[in-house]
């Protein structure tokens, strides 16, 4: 496998096998989405929408994980696998009035998206602006 293949490609199995210290919570159901909205009244909630088949999305996720260093008491972090749960991604777009992109980062406070970005705009440092 060439250098660029290692950066842009990789199997879903390899990605799942990678260990991350990032405190991901899976966003898989509408119930999870409703819970997330309620949690956003108490703390900052972040949704990371990721396509497991996209090299750019994989790079954005790795970069985000390397930067992420927030306490779970202040920030709740959700991971949405777009391939497995496109229906939930569509529901996120509908509920929050945000156009679907991949990869995409949404910051939610008081049931409202206060910031969203995609692709190279994704960075964990932006979250600090919204943490009390």
Protein backbone atom coordinates (compact mmCIF):
# COMPACT_ATOMS: atom_id res chain seq x y z
CA UNK A 1 0.00 0.00 0.00
CA UNK A 2 1.45 3.38 -1.04
CA UNK A 3 1.80 6.45 1.14
CA UNK A 4 -1.31 8.17 -0.26
CA UNK A 5 -3.32 4.96 0.05
CA UNK A 6 -2.47 4.86 3.75
CA UNK A 7 -3.73 8.41 4.17
CA UNK A 8 -6.84 8.31 2.02
CA UNK A 9 -7.87 4.67 2.11
CA UNK A 10 -8.32 2.00 4.68
CA UNK A 11 -10.96 -0.48 5.52
CA UNK A 12 -13.80 0.07 7.94
CA UNK A 13 -12.33 -2.79 9.98
CA UNK A 14 -9.00 -0.97 10.31
CA UNK A 15 -10.78 2.18 11.40
CA UNK A 16 -12.84 0.36 14.01
CA UNK A 17 -9.72 -1.38 15.27
CA UNK A 18 -7.98 1.93 15.95
CA UNK A 19 -8.25 2.86 19.58
CA UNK A 20 -9.27 6.36 20.43
CA UNK A 21 -9.15 8.13 23.76
CA UNK A 22 -11.86 10.45 22.53
CA UNK A 23 -15.04 9.90 24.60
CA UNK A 24 -17.40 9.13 21.71
CA UNK A 25 -21.07 8.40 22.33
CA UNK A 26 -22.89 6.72 19.45
CA UNK A 27 -25.73 8.58 17.77
CA UNK A 28 -27.78 5.79 16.20
CA UNK A 29 -31.46 6.36 16.93
CA UNK A 30 -34.06 9.11 17.16
CA UNK A 31 -34.13 8.46 20.91
CA UNK A 32 -30.39 9.25 21.03
CA UNK A 33 -31.09 12.46 19.11
CA UNK A 34 -33.82 13.53 21.55
CA UNK A 35 -31.52 12.73 24.48
CA UNK A 36 -28.76 14.78 22.87
CA UNK A 37 -31.11 17.74 22.48
CA UNK A 38 -32.09 17.54 26.16
CA UNK A 39 -28.44 17.25 27.23
CA UNK A 40 -27.65 20.42 25.29
CA UNK A 41 -29.61 22.38 27.90
CA UNK A 42 -27.00 21.40 30.53
CA UNK A 43 -23.73 21.28 28.58
CA UNK A 44 -22.22 21.73 25.14
CA UNK A 45 -23.05 18.85 22.82
CA UNK A 46 -20.95 18.10 19.76
CA UNK A 47 -22.00 15.91 16.84
CA UNK A 48 -19.32 14.56 14.52
CA UNK A 49 -20.86 13.18 11.32
CA UNK A 50 -18.45 10.76 9.66
CA UNK A 51 -18.45 8.68 6.50
CA UNK A 52 -16.48 5.51 7.10
CA UNK A 53 -15.95 5.18 3.33
CA UNK A 54 -14.35 8.59 2.82
CA UNK A 55 -10.63 9.27 3.20
CA UNK A 56 -11.17 12.99 3.75
CA UNK A 57 -13.68 12.25 6.50
CA UNK A 58 -11.22 9.80 8.07
CA UNK A 59 -8.46 12.43 8.05
CA UNK A 60 -10.79 15.03 9.61
CA UNK A 61 -11.78 12.55 12.33
CA UNK A 62 -8.16 11.69 13.15
CA UNK A 63 -7.21 15.37 13.32
CA UNK A 64 -10.22 16.13 15.53
CA UNK A 65 -9.35 13.26 17.88
CA UNK A 66 -5.76 14.44 18.19
CA UNK A 67 -6.95 17.93 19.25
CA UNK A 68 -9.85 16.92 21.50
CA UNK A 69 -9.23 17.48 25.23
CA UNK A 70 -12.47 18.51 26.93
CA UNK A 71 -13.88 17.20 30.19
CA UNK A 72 -16.96 15.02 29.82
CA UNK A 73 -18.72 17.13 32.47
CA UNK A 74 -18.56 20.12 30.10
CA UNK A 75 -18.86 18.58 26.64
CA UNK A 76 -20.76 15.53 25.43
CA UNK A 77 -19.40 14.17 22.17
CA UNK A 78 -21.53 12.18 19.74
CA UNK A 79 -20.33 10.16 16.76
CA UNK A 80 -22.68 9.56 13.83
CA UNK A 81 -21.68 6.91 11.29
CA UNK A 82 -23.35 8.22 8.14
CA UNK A 83 -23.11 4.95 6.25
CA UNK A 84 -24.91 2.97 8.94
CA UNK A 85 -27.33 5.71 10.03
CA UNK A 86 -28.10 8.01 7.11
CA UNK A 87 -31.70 8.25 8.37
CA UNK A 88 -30.46 9.82 11.61
CA UNK A 89 -28.19 12.18 9.67
CA UNK A 90 -31.23 13.32 7.71
CA UNK A 91 -33.11 13.80 10.98
CA UNK A 92 -30.23 15.90 12.37
CA UNK A 93 -30.39 18.11 9.26
CA UNK A 94 -34.16 18.41 9.59
CA UNK A 95 -34.25 19.06 13.36
CA UNK A 96 -31.45 21.63 13.37
CA UNK A 97 -32.00 23.22 9.94
CA UNK A 98 -28.45 22.49 8.81
CA UNK A 99 -27.57 21.25 5.33
CA UNK A 100 -26.05 17.74 5.38
CA UNK A 101 -22.31 17.51 4.73
CA UNK A 102 -19.68 14.87 5.39
CA UNK A 103 -17.60 15.10 7.41
CA UNK A 104 -19.46 17.63 9.51
CA UNK A 105 -19.17 19.05 13.01
CA UNK A 106 -22.13 20.59 14.82
CA UNK A 107 -22.03 22.31 18.21
CA UNK A 108 -25.39 22.34 20.01
CA UNK A 109 -26.44 24.45 23.01
CA UNK A 110 -29.97 24.80 24.36
CA UNK A 111 -31.33 22.62 21.52
CA UNK A 112 -29.89 24.93 18.85
CA UNK A 113 -26.89 24.58 16.56
CA UNK A 114 -24.61 27.47 17.51
CA UNK A 115 -21.84 26.48 15.11
CA UNK A 116 -21.34 24.03 12.26
CA UNK A 117 -18.63 23.38 9.74
CA UNK A 118 -17.32 20.66 7.49
CA UNK A 119 -14.18 19.27 5.89
CA UNK A 120 -11.04 21.31 6.64
CA UNK A 121 -13.01 23.70 8.88
CA UNK A 122 -13.38 20.99 11.52
CA UNK A 123 -11.23 21.47 14.60
CA UNK A 124 -11.78 20.70 18.26
CA UNK A 125 -10.40 24.04 19.41
CA UNK A 126 -13.58 25.81 18.22
CA UNK A 127 -15.56 24.05 20.98
CA UNK A 128 -13.77 26.13 23.62
CA UNK A 129 -15.70 29.22 22.50
CA UNK A 130 -18.95 27.61 23.67
CA UNK A 131 -17.87 25.97 26.94
CA UNK A 132 -18.85 27.90 30.07
